[in-house]
Structure formats: structure tokens, C-alpha cells
PDB file of N, CA and C in Angstrom:
ATOM      1  N   MET A   1     -59.248  95.042  -6.662  1.00  0.00           N
ATOM      2  CA  MET A   1     -59.842  94.531  -8.230  1.00  0.00           C
ATOM      3  C   MET A   1     -59.245  92.941  -7.881  1.00  0.00           C
ATOM      4  N   ILE A   2     -60.422  92.195  -8.767  1.00  0.00           N
ATOM      5  CA  ILE A   2     -60.358  91.259  -8.775  1.00  0.00           C
ATOM      6  C   ILE A   2     -59.906  90.530 -10.033  1.00  0.00           C
ATOM      7  N   ASN A   3     -59.397  89.929 -10.550  1.00  0.00           N
ATOM      8  CA  ASN A   3     -58.699  89.557 -12.206  1.00  0.00           C
ATOM      9  C   ASN A   3     -58.580  87.721 -11.669  1.00  0.00           C
ATOM     10  N   TYR A   4     -58.099  87.006 -12.542  1.00  0.00           N
ATOM     11  CA  TYR A   4     -58.109  85.195 -13.085  1.00  0.00           C
ATOM     12  C   TYR A   4     -56.909  85.717 -12.506  1.00  0.00           C
ATOM     13  N   LYS A   5     -56.916  84.558 -11.795  1.00  0.00           N
ATOM     14  CA  LYS A   5     -55.602  83.974 -10.697  1.00  0.00           C
ATOM     15  C   LYS A   5     -55.011  84.625 -10.327  1.00  0.00           C
ATOM     16  N   ASP A   6     -55.284  85.802 -10.308  1.00  0.00           N
ATOM     17  CA  ASP A   6     -53.752  87.324  -9.710  1.00  0.00           C
ATOM     18  C   ASP A   6     -53.230  87.534 -10.153  1.00  0.00           C
ATOM     19  N   ILE A   7     -52.692  86.845 -11.731  1.00  0.00           N
ATOM     20  CA  ILE A   7     -51.741  87.283 -12.430  1.00  0.00           C
ATOM     21  C   ILE A   7     -51.960  88.146 -13.327  1.00  0.00           C
ATOM     22  N   VAL A   8     -50.452  88.605 -13.346  1.00  0.00           N
ATOM     23  CA  VAL A   8     -50.904  89.519 -14.720  1.00  0.00           C
ATOM     24  C   VAL A   8     -49.948  88.940 -16.263  1.00  0.00           C
ATOM     25  N   PHE A   9     -51.093  88.509 -16.907  1.00  0.00           N
ATOM     26  CA  PHE A   9     -50.424  87.587 -17.807  1.00  0.00           C
ATOM     27  C   PHE A   9     -49.757  87.727 -18.991  1.00  0.00           C
ATOM     28  N   CYS A  10     -49.171  87.005 -19.699  1.00  0.00           N
ATOM     29  CA  CYS A  10     -48.500  87.631 -21.033  1.00  0.00           C
ATOM     30  C   CYS A  10     -48.972  86.726 -22.308  1.00  0.00           C
ATOM     31  N   ASP A  11     -48.994  87.578 -23.341  1.00  0.00           N
ATOM     32  CA  ASP A  11     -49.798  87.574 -24.764  1.00  0.00           C
ATOM     33  C   ASP A  11     -48.601  87.655 -25.538  1.00  0.00           C
ATOM     34  N   GLU A  12     -47.364  87.441 -25.449  1.00  0.00           N
ATOM     35  CA  GLU A  12     -46.389  87.557 -26.329  1.00  0.00           C
ATOM     36  C   GLU A  12     -46.421  86.119 -27.299  1.00  0.00           C
ATOM     37  N   LYS A  13     -46.598  86.068 -28.215  1.00  0.00           N
ATOM     38  CA  LYS A  13     -47.327  84.653 -28.752  1.00  0.00           C
ATOM     39  C   LYS A  13     -45.728  84.304 -29.750  1.00  0.00           C
ATOM     40  N   THR A  14     -45.155  85.729 -30.145  1.00  0.00           N
ATOM     41  CA  THR A  14     -43.483  85.830 -30.480  1.00  0.00           C
ATOM     42  C   THR A  14     -42.263  85.020 -29.883  1.00  0.00           C
ATOM     43  N   CYS A  15     -43.052  84.505 -28.555  1.00  0.00           N
ATOM     44  CA  CYS A  15     -41.470  84.811 -27.054  1.00  0.00           C
ATOM     45  C   CYS A  15     -41.664  83.175 -27.549  1.00  0.00           C
ATOM     46  N   LYS A  16     -40.411  82.674 -27.150  1.00  0.00           N
ATOM     47  CA  LYS A  16     -39.635  81.404 -26.882  1.00  0.00           C
ATOM     48  C   LYS A  16     -40.061  80.412 -25.883  1.00  0.00           C
ATOM     49  N   HIS A  17     -40.879  81.079 -24.877  1.00  0.00           N
ATOM     50  CA  HIS A  17     -41.268  81.012 -23.772  1.00  0.00           C
ATOM     51  C   HIS A  17     -42.745  80.821 -23.708  1.00  0.00           C
ATOM     52  N   PHE A  18     -43.262  80.968 -24.554  1.00  0.00           N
ATOM     53  CA  PHE A  18     -44.297  81.067 -24.568  1.00  0.00           C
ATOM     54  C   PHE A  18     -45.130  79.687 -24.573  1.00  0.00           C
ATOM     55  N   GLY A  19     -45.936  79.245 -23.396  1.00  0.00           N
ATOM     56  CA  GLY A  19     -46.503  78.187 -23.791  1.00  0.00           C
ATOM     57  C   GLY A  19     -45.663  76.730 -23.660  1.00  0.00           C
ATOM     58  N   ASN A  20     -44.255  77.340 -22.956  1.00  0.00           N
ATOM     59  CA  ASN A  20     -43.462  76.608 -23.454  1.00  0.00           C
ATOM     60  C   ASN A  20     -42.668  76.419 -21.658  1.00  0.00           C
ATOM     61  N   GLY A  21     -43.685  76.208 -20.983  1.00  0.00           N
ATOM     62  CA  GLY A  21     -42.750  76.201 -19.452  1.00  0.00           C
ATOM     63  C   GLY A  21     -42.910  77.372 -19.139  1.00  0.00           C
ATOM     64  N   CYS A  22     -43.688  78.725 -19.449  1.00  0.00           N
ATOM     65  CA  CYS A  22     -43.768  79.982 -19.101  1.00  0.00           C
ATOM     66  C   CYS A  22     -45.408  79.878 -18.107  1.00  0.00           C
ATOM     67  N   ASP A  23     -45.221  80.556 -16.523  1.00  0.00           N
ATOM     68  CA  ASP A  23     -46.720  79.908 -16.214  1.00  0.00           C
ATOM     69  C   ASP A  23     -47.406  81.608 -16.276  1.00  0.00           C
ATOM     70  N   ARG A  24     -46.879  82.572 -17.030  1.00  0.00           N
ATOM     71  CA  ARG A  24     -47.715  83.786 -17.194  1.00  0.00           C
ATOM     72  C   ARG A  24     -48.051  83.919 -18.892  1.00  0.00           C
ATOM     73  N   ALA A  25     -48.295  82.715 -19.226  1.00  0.00           N
ATOM     74  CA  ALA A  25     -48.190  82.710 -21.053  1.00  0.00           C
ATOM     75  C   ALA A  25     -50.033  82.699 -20.539  1.00  0.00           C
ATOM     76  N   TYR A  26     -50.665  83.603 -20.921  1.00  0.00           N
ATOM     77  CA  TYR A  26     -52.039  83.436 -21.650  1.00  0.00           C
ATOM     78  C   TYR A  26     -52.592  82.412 -22.893  1.00  0.00           C
ATOM     79  N   THR A  27     -52.362  81.610 -22.392  1.00  0.00           N
ATOM     80  CA  THR A  27     -53.173  80.744 -23.641  1.00  0.00           C
ATOM     81  C   THR A  27     -54.171  80.180 -23.784  1.00  0.00           C
ATOM     82  N   GLU A  28     -54.827  79.531 -25.091  1.00  0.00           N
ATOM     83  CA  GLU A  28     -56.296  78.867 -25.234  1.00  0.00           C
ATOM     84  C   GLU A  28     -56.671  77.692 -23.719  1.00  0.00           C
ATOM     85  N   GLU A  29     -55.545  77.424 -23.471  1.00  0.00           N
ATOM     86  CA  GLU A  29     -56.539  76.804 -22.117  1.00  0.00           C
ATOM     87  C   GLU A  29     -56.564  77.331 -21.255  1.00  0.00           C
ATOM     88  N   GLN A  30     -55.531  78.050 -20.314  1.00  0.00           N
ATOM     89  CA  GLN A  30     -55.633  79.242 -19.683  1.00  0.00           C
ATOM     90  C   GLN A  30     -57.051  80.331 -19.978  1.00  0.00           C
ATOM     91  N   ARG A  31     -57.609  80.387 -21.016  1.00  0.00           N
ATOM     92  CA  ARG A  31     -58.834  81.277 -21.658  1.00  0.00           C
ATOM     93  C   ARG A  31     -60.022  80.596 -21.673  1.00  0.00           C
ATOM     94  N   ILE A  32     -59.726  79.323 -21.777  1.00  0.00           N
ATOM     95  CA  ILE A  32     -61.375  78.509 -21.254  1.00  0.00           C
ATOM     96  C   ILE A  32     -61.451  77.944 -19.700  1.00  0.00           C
ATOM     97  N   LYS A  33     -60.070  77.619 -19.229  1.00  0.00           N
ATOM     98  CA  LYS A  33     -59.808  77.938 -17.708  1.00  0.00           C
ATOM     99  C   LYS A  33     -60.647  79.307 -17.027  1.00  0.00           C
ATOM    100  N   ALA A  34     -60.243  80.411 -17.716  1.00  0.00           N
ATOM    101  CA  ALA A  34     -60.442  81.603 -17.273  1.00  0.00           C
ATOM    102  C   ALA A  34     -62.490  82.011 -17.800  1.00  0.00           C
ATOM    103  N   TYR A  35     -62.747  81.551 -18.583  1.00  0.00           N
ATOM    104  CA  TYR A  35     -63.979  81.689 -18.854  1.00  0.00           C
ATOM    105  C   TYR A  35     -65.091  81.263 -17.616  1.00  0.00           C
ATOM    106  N   ARG A  36     -64.360  79.980 -17.286  1.00  0.00           N
ATOM    107  CA  ARG A  36     -65.082  78.798 -16.794  1.00  0.00           C
ATOM    108  C   ARG A  36     -65.098  79.146 -15.481  1.00  0.00           C
ATOM    109  N   TRP A  37     -63.790  79.639 -14.852  1.00  0.00           N
ATOM    110  CA  TRP A  37     -63.872  80.360 -13.654  1.00  0.00           C
ATOM    111  C   TRP A  37     -65.222  81.706 -13.370  1.00  0.00           C
ATOM    112  N   TRP A  38     -65.030  82.194 -14.273  1.00  0.00           N
ATOM    113  CA  TRP A  38     -66.074  83.455 -14.316  1.00  0.00           C
ATOM    114  C   TRP A  38     -67.338  83.296 -14.430  1.00  0.00           C
ATOM    115  N   ASN A  39     -67.467  82.128 -15.135  1.00  0.00           N
ATOM    116  CA  ASN A  39     -69.085  81.734 -15.398  1.00  0.00           C
ATOM    117  C   ASN A  39     -69.573  80.568 -15.119  1.00  0.00           C
ATOM    118  N   THR A  40     -69.838  81.109 -13.435  1.00  0.00           N
ATOM    119  CA  THR A  40     -69.858  79.664 -12.706  1.00  0.00           C
ATOM    120  C   THR A  40     -71.524  79.342 -12.815  1.00  0.00           C
ATOM    121  N   SER A  41     -72.310  80.238 -12.927  1.00  0.00           N
ATOM    122  CA  SER A  41     -74.164  80.515 -12.957  1.00  0.00           C
ATOM    123  C   SER A  41     -74.604  79.295 -13.981  1.00  0.00           C
ATOM    124  N   GLY A  42     -74.031  79.269 -14.892  1.00  0.00           N
ATOM    125  CA  GLY A  42     -74.381  77.924 -16.034  1.00  0.00           C
ATOM    126  C   GLY A  42     -74.980  78.966 -17.362  1.00  0.00           C
ATOM    127  N   GLN A  43     -75.390  80.060 -16.901  1.00  0.00           N
ATOM    128  CA  GLN A  43     -75.545  81.015 -18.000  1.00  0.00           C
ATOM    129  C   GLN A  43     -75.381  80.636 -18.826  1.00  0.00           C
ATOM    130  N   VAL A  44     -76.447  80.610 -20.377  1.00  0.00           N
ATOM    131  CA  VAL A  44     -75.955  80.229 -21.597  1.00  0.00           C
ATOM    132  C   VAL A  44     -74.660  81.366 -22.552  1.00  0.00           C
ATOM    133  N   LYS A  45     -75.060  82.825 -22.233  1.00  0.00           N
ATOM    134  CA  LYS A  45     -74.511  83.719 -22.250  1.00  0.00           C
ATOM    135  C   LYS A  45     -73.819  84.130 -21.433  1.00  0.00           C
ATOM    136  N   TRP A  46     -72.261  84.041 -21.813  1.00  0.00           N
ATOM    137  CA  TRP A  46     -70.922  84.226 -21.153  1.00  0.00           C
ATOM    138  C   TRP A  46     -70.019  86.009 -21.603  1.00  0.00           C
ATOM    139  N   GLU A  47     -69.842  85.660 -19.629  1.00  0.00           N
ATOM    140  CA  GLU A  47     -69.269  87.338 -19.831  1.00  0.00           C
ATOM    141  C   GLU A  47     -67.362  87.185 -20.046  1.00  0.00           C
ATOM    142  N   ASP A  48     -66.809  88.062 -20.702  1.00  0.00           N
ATOM    143  CA  ASP A  48     -65.411  88.140 -20.510  1.00  0.00           C
ATOM    144  C   ASP A  48     -64.960  88.076 -18.766  1.00  0.00           C
ATOM    145  N   PRO A  49     -64.060  87.300 -18.420  1.00  0.00           N
ATOM    146  CA  PRO A  49     -63.529  87.757 -17.317  1.00  0.00           C
ATOM    147  C   PRO A  49     -62.577  88.562 -17.026  1.00  0.00           C
ATOM    148  N   PRO A  50     -62.279  88.866 -16.037  1.00  0.00           N
ATOM    149  CA  PRO A  50     -61.253  89.995 -15.618  1.00  0.00           C
ATOM    150  C   PRO A  50     -59.996  89.016 -15.605  1.00  0.00           C
ATOM    151  N   ILE A  51     -59.141  89.685 -16.422  1.00  0.00           N
ATOM    152  CA  ILE A  51     -57.738  89.365 -16.689  1.00  0.00           C
ATOM    153  C   ILE A  51     -56.944  90.654 -16.694  1.00  0.00           C
ATOM    154  N   CYS A  52     -55.789  90.426 -16.722  1.00  0.00           N
ATOM    155  CA  CYS A  52     -54.687  91.694 -16.387  1.00  0.00           C
ATOM    156  C   CYS A  52     -53.525  90.935 -17.420  1.00  0.00           C
ATOM    157  N   PHE A  53     -53.264  91.755 -18.284  1.00  0.00           N
ATOM    158  CA  PHE A  53     -51.984  91.681 -19.086  1.00  0.00           C
ATOM    159  C   PHE A  53     -51.342  92.503 -19.346  1.00  0.00           C
ATOM    160  N   GLU A  54     -50.068  92.028 -19.249  1.00  0.00           N
ATOM    161  CA  GLU A  54     -48.322  93.122 -19.115  1.00  0.00           C
ATOM    162  C   GLU A  54     -48.679  94.247 -20.701  1.00  0.00           C
ATOM    163  N   LEU A  55     -48.950  95.196 -20.265  1.00  0.00           N
ATOM    164  CA  LEU A  55     -49.052  96.419 -20.972  1.00  0.00           C
ATOM    165  C   LEU A  55     -47.757  96.299 -22.129  1.00  0.00           C
ATOM    166  N   GLU A  56     -46.184  96.265 -21.676  1.00  0.00           N
ATOM    167  CA  GLU A  56     -45.326  96.162 -22.580  1.00  0.00           C
ATOM    168  C   GLU A  56     -44.650  94.781 -22.371  1.00  0.00           C
ATOM    169  N   ARG A  57     -43.504  94.344 -23.502  1.00  0.00           N
ATOM    170  CA  ARG A  57     -43.195  93.302 -23.036  1.00  0.00           C
ATOM    171  C   ARG A  57     -42.333  93.156 -22.229  1.00  0.00           C
ATOM    172  N   PRO A  58     -42.501  91.728 -21.271  1.00  0.00           N
ATOM    173  CA  PRO A  58     -41.755  91.873 -20.124  1.00  0.00           C
ATOM    174  C   PRO A  58     -39.807  91.335 -20.229  1.00  0.00           C
ATOM    175  N   ASP A  59     -39.645  91.506 -19.110  1.00  0.00           N
ATOM    176  CA  ASP A  59     -38.227  91.356 -19.434  1.00  0.00           C
ATOM    177  C   ASP A  59     -37.808  90.200 -19.634  1.00  0.00           C
ATOM    178  N   CYS A  60     -38.651  89.142 -19.508  1.00  0.00           N
ATOM    179  CA  CYS A  60     -38.247  87.575 -19.923  1.00  0.00           C
ATOM    180  C   CYS A  60     -38.385  87.696 -21.347  1.00  0.00           C
ATOM    181  N   TYR A  61     -38.809  88.177 -22.152  1.00  0.00           N
ATOM    182  CA  TYR A  61     -39.360  87.924 -23.641  1.00  0.00           C
ATOM    183  C   TYR A  61     -37.945  87.632 -24.439  1.00  0.00           C
ATOM    184  N   GLU A  62     -37.967  86.268 -24.877  1.00  0.00           N
ATOM    185  CA  GLU A  62     -36.884  86.156 -26.383  1.00  0.00           C
ATOM    186  C   GLU A  62     -37.776  86.067 -27.414  1.00  0.00           C
ATOM    187  N   PRO A  63     -37.430  86.097 -28.037  1.00  0.00           N
ATOM    188  CA  PRO A  63     -38.359  86.588 -29.834  1.00  0.00           C
ATOM    189  C   PRO A  63     -37.784  85.226 -30.001  1.00  0.00           C
ATOM    190  N   GLU A  64     -38.841  84.316 -30.712  1.00  0.00           N
ATOM    191  CA  GLU A  64     -38.306  83.140 -31.439  1.00  0.00           C
ATOM    192  C   GLU A  64     -37.822  83.191 -32.700  1.00  0.00           C
ATOM    193  N   LYS A  65     -36.573  81.991 -32.890  1.00  0.00           N
ATOM    194  CA  LYS A  65     -35.846  81.725 -33.831  1.00  0.00           C
ATOM    195  C   LYS A  65     -35.985  81.195 -35.127  1.00  0.00           C
TER     196      LYS A  65
END
């Protein structure tokens, strides 16, 4: 199966590492890049790109304080 960047992304926005040096954080910037990568045909109607996410909180998760 193909997925964006061949990475398992994390969407735990309550983690203190999210968007702060974490290369697996699925930020808004990553979302835009994924859509551009998947929809290179120039069509007006975009399809959702294949993105793999963690099913549970990763071991590196630390709550924001």
C-alpha cells in the first residue's frame, strides 16, 4: 500500500512535541503537502491522500503543561 512519505503520522495535538521538532506530527503544513503530492493532475476536485496514522498514543507522547 502506498501512503504519504511512507510514514506513520501522529495527530496528538495535545502532545508538547506536536509541531515542535516532531517529524511525524501531522500539521496543517503536512496536510497541504500531502494533498499537493496526491493531486498532481491539476483537477479542481481533490481526493483525500492516503495517509497512515497511529492508532494509539505513541510512546513518545508527553502532555502539554
